[in-house]
Amino acid sequence: MAITVNSADYEQACDAYDGWCPACEAFSRPNTEPDIRPEHGYTCEECDGPVYGAEQALLEGVIELNDEE
């Protein structure tokens, strides 16, 4: 099941190269390339779990966008 993310937050994360942590359900890792997948070894700064690049998380359905507040 995908986690819903506000479109503005997603765009900000893309611009900042922030990675998405499925465990924290948040953009929590700076300097993450857009196409990073968990097997690439990038880890969350909060929980040490594997992360996705923001764009990769959207492409794989890990997150979905929603403009409602």
PDB file of N, CA and C in Angstrom:
ATOM      1  N   MET A   1       0.831  -1.180   0.000  1.00  0.00           N
ATOM      2  CA  MET A   1       0.000   0.000   0.000  1.00  0.00           C
ATOM      3  C   MET A   1       0.880   1.250   0.000  1.00  0.00           C
ATOM      4  N   ALA A   2       0.620   2.148  -0.925  1.00  0.00           N
ATOM      5  CA  ALA A   2       1.413   3.365  -1.054  1.00  0.00           C
ATOM      6  C   ALA A   2       1.054   4.375   0.037  1.00  0.00           C
ATOM      7  N   ILE A   3       2.041   5.120   0.444  1.00  0.00           N
ATOM      8  CA  ILE A   3       1.850   6.215   1.394  1.00  0.00           C
ATOM      9  C   ILE A   3       1.556   7.470   0.595  1.00  0.00           C
ATOM     10  N   THR A   4       0.553   8.224   1.001  1.00  0.00           N
ATOM     11  CA  THR A   4       0.183   9.447   0.305  1.00  0.00           C
ATOM     12  C   THR A   4       1.060  10.599   0.767  1.00  0.00           C
ATOM     13  N   VAL A   5       1.601  11.321  -0.225  1.00  0.00           N
ATOM     14  CA  VAL A   5       2.489  12.449   0.026  1.00  0.00           C
ATOM     15  C   VAL A   5       1.926  13.673  -0.682  1.00  0.00           C
ATOM     16  N   ASN A   6       1.971  14.819  -0.037  1.00  0.00           N
ATOM     17  CA  ASN A   6       1.552  16.070  -0.647  1.00  0.00           C
ATOM     18  C   ASN A   6       2.474  16.385  -1.828  1.00  0.00           C
ATOM     19  N   SER A   7       1.905  16.825  -2.940  1.00  0.00           N
ATOM     20  CA  SER A   7       2.684  17.117  -4.153  1.00  0.00           C
ATOM     21  C   SER A   7       3.765  18.161  -3.908  1.00  0.00           C
ATOM     22  N   ALA A   8       3.461  19.176  -3.123  1.00  0.00           N
ATOM     23  CA  ALA A   8       4.447  20.219  -2.832  1.00  0.00           C
ATOM     24  C   ALA A   8       5.630  19.646  -2.055  1.00  0.00           C
ATOM     25  N   ASP A   9       5.359  18.760  -1.104  1.00  0.00           N
ATOM     26  CA  ASP A   9       6.434  18.119  -0.341  1.00  0.00           C
ATOM     27  C   ASP A   9       7.291  17.241  -1.252  1.00  0.00           C
ATOM     28  N   TYR A  10       6.629  16.546  -2.182  1.00  0.00           N
ATOM     29  CA  TYR A  10       7.349  15.702  -3.126  1.00  0.00           C
ATOM     30  C   TYR A  10       8.270  16.542  -4.014  1.00  0.00           C
ATOM     31  N   GLU A  11       7.747  17.640  -4.552  1.00  0.00           N
ATOM     32  CA  GLU A  11       8.557  18.514  -5.413  1.00  0.00           C
ATOM     33  C   GLU A  11       9.749  19.078  -4.649  1.00  0.00           C
ATOM     34  N   GLN A  12       9.528  19.466  -3.415  1.00  0.00           N
ATOM     35  CA  GLN A  12      10.609  19.986  -2.581  1.00  0.00           C
ATOM     36  C   GLN A  12      11.670  18.905  -2.348  1.00  0.00           C
ATOM     37  N   ALA A  13      11.226  17.680  -2.086  1.00  0.00           N
ATOM     38  CA  ALA A  13      12.161  16.572  -1.874  1.00  0.00           C
ATOM     39  C   ALA A  13      12.960  16.283  -3.145  1.00  0.00           C
ATOM     40  N   CYS A  14      12.299  16.341  -4.292  1.00  0.00           N
ATOM     41  CA  CYS A  14      13.001  16.127  -5.563  1.00  0.00           C
ATOM     42  C   CYS A  14      14.065  17.191  -5.775  1.00  0.00           C
ATOM     43  N   ASP A  15      13.707  18.445  -5.545  1.00  0.00           N
ATOM     44  CA  ASP A  15      14.650  19.550  -5.724  1.00  0.00           C
ATOM     45  C   ASP A  15      15.840  19.439  -4.779  1.00  0.00           C
ATOM     46  N   ALA A  16      15.610  18.922  -3.581  1.00  0.00           N
ATOM     47  CA  ALA A  16      16.663  18.811  -2.567  1.00  0.00           C
ATOM     48  C   ALA A  16      17.400  17.468  -2.618  1.00  0.00           C
ATOM     49  N   TYR A  17      16.990  16.576  -3.532  1.00  0.00           N
ATOM     50  CA  TYR A  17      17.566  15.231  -3.610  1.00  0.00           C
ATOM     51  C   TYR A  17      17.427  14.484  -2.285  1.00  0.00           C
ATOM     52  N   ASP A  18      16.237  14.557  -1.691  1.00  0.00           N
ATOM     53  CA  ASP A  18      15.965  13.821  -0.454  1.00  0.00           C
ATOM     54  C   ASP A  18      15.467  12.419  -0.779  1.00  0.00           C
ATOM     55  N   GLY A  19      15.883  11.453   0.007  1.00  0.00           N
ATOM     56  CA  GLY A  19      15.444  10.078  -0.164  1.00  0.00           C
ATOM     57  C   GLY A  19      14.243   9.764   0.710  1.00  0.00           C
ATOM     58  N   TRP A  20      13.429   8.821   0.244  1.00  0.00           N
ATOM     59  CA  TRP A  20      12.223   8.393   0.956  1.00  0.00           C
ATOM     60  C   TRP A  20      12.516   7.143   1.760  1.00  0.00           C
ATOM     61  N   CYS A  21      12.201   7.182   3.057  1.00  0.00           N
ATOM     62  CA  CYS A  21      12.356   6.014   3.923  1.00  0.00           C
ATOM     63  C   CYS A  21      10.979   5.398   4.150  1.00  0.00           C
ATOM     64  N   PRO A  22      10.734   4.183   3.662  1.00  0.00           N
ATOM     65  CA  PRO A  22       9.446   3.541   3.887  1.00  0.00           C
ATOM     66  C   PRO A  22       9.168   3.265   5.369  1.00  0.00           C
ATOM     67  N   ALA A  23      10.192   2.999   6.149  1.00  0.00           N
ATOM     68  CA  ALA A  23      10.000   2.706   7.566  1.00  0.00           C
ATOM     69  C   ALA A  23       9.549   3.955   8.330  1.00  0.00           C
ATOM     70  N   CYS A  24      10.155   5.096   8.045  1.00  0.00           N
ATOM     71  CA  CYS A  24       9.801   6.354   8.707  1.00  0.00           C
ATOM     72  C   CYS A  24       8.605   7.030   8.035  1.00  0.00           C
ATOM     73  N   GLU A  25       8.301   6.596   6.810  1.00  0.00           N
ATOM     74  CA  GLU A  25       7.252   7.210   6.001  1.00  0.00           C
ATOM     75  C   GLU A  25       7.501   8.703   5.841  1.00  0.00           C
ATOM     76  N   ALA A  26       8.766   9.028   5.495  1.00  0.00           N
ATOM     77  CA  ALA A  26       9.158  10.424   5.359  1.00  0.00           C
ATOM     78  C   ALA A  26      10.374  10.555   4.441  1.00  0.00           C
ATOM     79  N   PHE A  27      10.544  11.754   3.901  1.00  0.00           N
ATOM     80  CA  PHE A  27      11.773  12.082   3.186  1.00  0.00           C
ATOM     81  C   PHE A  27      12.805  12.397   4.246  1.00  0.00           C
ATOM     82  N   SER A  28      13.769  11.504   4.424  1.00  0.00           N
ATOM     83  CA  SER A  28      14.654  11.629   5.577  1.00  0.00           C
ATOM     84  C   SER A  28      16.133  11.447   5.271  1.00  0.00           C
ATOM     85  N   ARG A  29      16.507  11.415   3.990  1.00  0.00           N
ATOM     86  CA  ARG A  29      17.925  11.283   3.697  1.00  0.00           C
ATOM     87  C   ARG A  29      18.326  12.253   2.603  1.00  0.00           C
ATOM     88  N   PRO A  30      19.145  13.266   2.929  1.00  0.00           N
ATOM     89  CA  PRO A  30      19.608  14.200   1.912  1.00  0.00           C
ATOM     90  C   PRO A  30      20.628  13.552   0.978  1.00  0.00           C
ATOM     91  N   ASN A  31      20.852  14.200  -0.151  1.00  0.00           N
ATOM     92  CA  ASN A  31      21.854  13.768  -1.136  1.00  0.00           C
ATOM     93  C   ASN A  31      21.608  12.365  -1.675  1.00  0.00           C
ATOM     94  N   THR A  32      20.353  12.087  -2.012  1.00  0.00           N
ATOM     95  CA  THR A  32      19.977  10.788  -2.567  1.00  0.00           C
ATOM     96  C   THR A  32      19.603  10.974  -4.037  1.00  0.00           C
ATOM     97  N   GLU A  33      20.289  10.275  -4.906  1.00  0.00           N
ATOM     98  CA  GLU A  33      19.973  10.360  -6.328  1.00  0.00           C
ATOM     99  C   GLU A  33      18.532   9.923  -6.584  1.00  0.00           C
ATOM    100  N   PRO A  34      17.881  10.482  -7.591  1.00  0.00           N
ATOM    101  CA  PRO A  34      16.470  10.199  -7.857  1.00  0.00           C
ATOM    102  C   PRO A  34      16.134   8.731  -8.108  1.00  0.00           C
ATOM    103  N   ASP A  35      17.072   7.972  -8.680  1.00  0.00           N
ATOM    104  CA  ASP A  35      16.775   6.590  -9.067  1.00  0.00           C
ATOM    105  C   ASP A  35      17.299   5.537  -8.080  1.00  0.00           C
ATOM    106  N   ILE A  36      17.634   5.949  -6.878  1.00  0.00           N
ATOM    107  CA  ILE A  36      18.153   5.009  -5.878  1.00  0.00           C
ATOM    108  C   ILE A  36      17.055   4.053  -5.416  1.00  0.00           C
ATOM    109  N   ARG A  37      17.436   2.795  -5.307  1.00  0.00           N
ATOM    110  CA  ARG A  37      16.556   1.740  -4.784  1.00  0.00           C
ATOM    111  C   ARG A  37      17.213   1.177  -3.521  1.00  0.00           C
ATOM    112  N   PRO A  38      16.443   0.490  -2.677  1.00  0.00           N
ATOM    113  CA  PRO A  38      17.008  -0.029  -1.422  1.00  0.00           C
ATOM    114  C   PRO A  38      18.277  -0.863  -1.597  1.00  0.00           C
ATOM    115  N   GLU A  39      18.362  -1.614  -2.666  1.00  0.00           N
ATOM    116  CA  GLU A  39      19.548  -2.466  -2.843  1.00  0.00           C
ATOM    117  C   GLU A  39      20.831  -1.691  -3.145  1.00  0.00           C
ATOM    118  N   HIS A  40      20.728  -0.380  -3.357  1.00  0.00           N
ATOM    119  CA  HIS A  40      21.921   0.434  -3.608  1.00  0.00           C
ATOM    120  C   HIS A  40      22.669   0.799  -2.333  1.00  0.00           C
ATOM    121  N   GLY A  41      22.080   0.518  -1.167  1.00  0.00           N
ATOM    122  CA  GLY A  41      22.797   0.692   0.083  1.00  0.00           C
ATOM    123  C   GLY A  41      22.671   2.040   0.773  1.00  0.00           C
ATOM    124  N   TYR A  42      21.838   2.928   0.259  1.00  0.00           N
ATOM    125  CA  TYR A  42      21.625   4.196   0.953  1.00  0.00           C
ATOM    126  C   TYR A  42      20.751   3.933   2.175  1.00  0.00           C
ATOM    127  N   THR A  43      21.067   4.556   3.300  1.00  0.00           N
ATOM    128  CA  THR A  43      20.298   4.328   4.514  1.00  0.00           C
ATOM    129  C   THR A  43      19.735   5.636   5.080  1.00  0.00           C
ATOM    130  N   CYS A  44      18.646   5.490   5.798  1.00  0.00           N
ATOM    131  CA  CYS A  44      17.948   6.606   6.441  1.00  0.00           C
ATOM    132  C   CYS A  44      18.785   7.146   7.599  1.00  0.00           C
ATOM    133  N   GLU A  45      18.825   8.449   7.733  1.00  0.00           N
ATOM    134  CA  GLU A  45      19.559   9.057   8.838  1.00  0.00           C
ATOM    135  C   GLU A  45      18.838   8.903  10.169  1.00  0.00           C
ATOM    136  N   GLU A  46      17.538   8.628  10.118  1.00  0.00           N
ATOM    137  CA  GLU A  46      16.752   8.495  11.356  1.00  0.00           C
ATOM    138  C   GLU A  46      16.758   7.061  11.898  1.00  0.00           C
ATOM    139  N   CYS A  47      16.496   6.075  11.017  1.00  0.00           N
ATOM    140  CA  CYS A  47      16.318   4.698  11.502  1.00  0.00           C
ATOM    141  C   CYS A  47      17.313   3.697  10.920  1.00  0.00           C
ATOM    142  N   ASP A  48      18.170   4.142  10.009  1.00  0.00           N
ATOM    143  CA  ASP A  48      19.173   3.292   9.357  1.00  0.00           C
ATOM    144  C   ASP A  48      18.571   2.305   8.361  1.00  0.00           C
ATOM    145  N   GLY A  49      17.287   2.454   8.054  1.00  0.00           N
ATOM    146  CA  GLY A  49      16.644   1.584   7.078  1.00  0.00           C
ATOM    147  C   GLY A  49      16.996   1.994   5.655  1.00  0.00           C
ATOM    148  N   PRO A  50      16.728   1.130   4.687  1.00  0.00           N
ATOM    149  CA  PRO A  50      17.018   1.432   3.281  1.00  0.00           C
ATOM    150  C   PRO A  50      16.069   2.497   2.742  1.00  0.00           C
ATOM    151  N   VAL A  51      16.562   3.292   1.791  1.00  0.00           N
ATOM    152  CA  VAL A  51      15.756   4.374   1.216  1.00  0.00           C
ATOM    153  C   VAL A  51      15.647   4.247  -0.299  1.00  0.00           C
ATOM    154  N   TYR A  52      14.675   4.964  -0.832  1.00  0.00           N
ATOM    155  CA  TYR A  52      14.466   5.144  -2.267  1.00  0.00           C
ATOM    156  C   TYR A  52      14.769   6.593  -2.609  1.00  0.00           C
ATOM    157  N   GLY A  53      15.212   6.835  -3.835  1.00  0.00           N
ATOM    158  CA  GLY A  53      15.205   8.192  -4.339  1.00  0.00           C
ATOM    159  C   GLY A  53      13.749   8.621  -4.471  1.00  0.00           C
ATOM    160  N   ALA A  54      13.468   9.906  -4.372  1.00  0.00           N
ATOM    161  CA  ALA A  54      12.082  10.391  -4.397  1.00  0.00           C
ATOM    162  C   ALA A  54      11.350   9.944  -5.662  1.00  0.00           C
ATOM    163  N   GLU A  55      11.976  10.117  -6.814  1.00  0.00           N
ATOM    164  CA  GLU A  55      11.335   9.740  -8.073  1.00  0.00           C
ATOM    165  C   GLU A  55      11.134   8.232  -8.181  1.00  0.00           C
ATOM    166  N   GLN A  56      12.097   7.467  -7.706  1.00  0.00           N
ATOM    167  CA  GLN A  56      11.989   6.009  -7.756  1.00  0.00           C
ATOM    168  C   GLN A  56      10.846   5.522  -6.866  1.00  0.00           C
ATOM    169  N   ALA A  57      10.685   6.136  -5.700  1.00  0.00           N
ATOM    170  CA  ALA A  57       9.595   5.761  -4.799  1.00  0.00           C
ATOM    171  C   ALA A  57       8.243   5.978  -5.476  1.00  0.00           C
ATOM    172  N   LEU A  58       8.115   7.079  -6.217  1.00  0.00           N
ATOM    173  CA  LEU A  58       6.866   7.349  -6.926  1.00  0.00           C
ATOM    174  C   LEU A  58       6.670   6.352  -8.077  1.00  0.00           C
ATOM    175  N   LEU A  59       7.706   6.111  -8.844  1.00  0.00           N
ATOM    176  CA  LEU A  59       7.611   5.176  -9.982  1.00  0.00           C
ATOM    177  C   LEU A  59       7.243   3.764  -9.550  1.00  0.00           C
ATOM    178  N   GLU A  60       7.744   3.339  -8.403  1.00  0.00           N
ATOM    179  CA  GLU A  60       7.486   1.981  -7.934  1.00  0.00           C
ATOM    180  C   GLU A  60       6.213   1.865  -7.094  1.00  0.00           C
ATOM    181  N   GLY A  61       5.519   2.980  -6.904  1.00  0.00           N
ATOM    182  CA  GLY A  61       4.276   2.937  -6.161  1.00  0.00           C
ATOM    183  C   GLY A  61       4.444   2.866  -4.651  1.00  0.00           C
ATOM    184  N   VAL A  62       5.617   3.196  -4.174  1.00  0.00           N
ATOM    185  CA  VAL A  62       5.858   3.221  -2.737  1.00  0.00           C
ATOM    186  C   VAL A  62       5.142   4.430  -2.122  1.00  0.00           C
ATOM    187  N   ILE A  63       5.129   5.526  -2.885  1.00  0.00           N
ATOM    188  CA  ILE A  63       4.379   6.712  -2.489  1.00  0.00           C
ATOM    189  C   ILE A  63       3.424   7.085  -3.622  1.00  0.00           C
ATOM    190  N   GLU A  64       2.393   7.837  -3.280  1.00  0.00           N
ATOM    191  CA  GLU A  64       1.496   8.402  -4.271  1.00  0.00           C
ATOM    192  C   GLU A  64       1.252   9.857  -3.901  1.00  0.00           C
ATOM    193  N   LEU A  65       0.941  10.679  -4.895  1.00  0.00           N
ATOM    194  CA  LEU A  65       0.777  12.112  -4.658  1.00  0.00           C
ATOM    195  C   LEU A  65      -0.678  12.486  -4.444  1.00  0.00           C
ATOM    196  N   ASN A  66      -0.859  13.498  -3.600  1.00  0.00           N
ATOM    197  CA  ASN A  66      -2.184  14.018  -3.290  1.00  0.00           C
ATOM    198  C   ASN A  66      -2.040  15.499  -3.007  1.00  0.00           C
ATOM    199  N   ASP A  67      -2.857  16.319  -3.662  1.00  0.00           N
ATOM    200  CA  ASP A  67      -2.775  17.773  -3.470  1.00  0.00           C
ATOM    201  C   ASP A  67      -3.691  18.274  -2.362  1.00  0.00           C
ATOM    202  N   GLU A  68      -4.496  17.417  -1.774  1.00  0.00           N
ATOM    203  CA  GLU A  68      -5.377  17.849  -0.699  1.00  0.00           C
ATOM    204  C   GLU A  68      -4.582  18.063   0.575  1.00  0.00           C
ATOM    205  N   GLU A  69      -4.970  19.057   1.318  1.00  0.00           N
ATOM    206  CA  GLU A  69      -4.299  19.346   2.593  1.00  0.00           C
ATOM    207  C   GLU A  69      -4.876  18.492   3.685  1.00  0.00           C
TER     208      GLU A  69
END
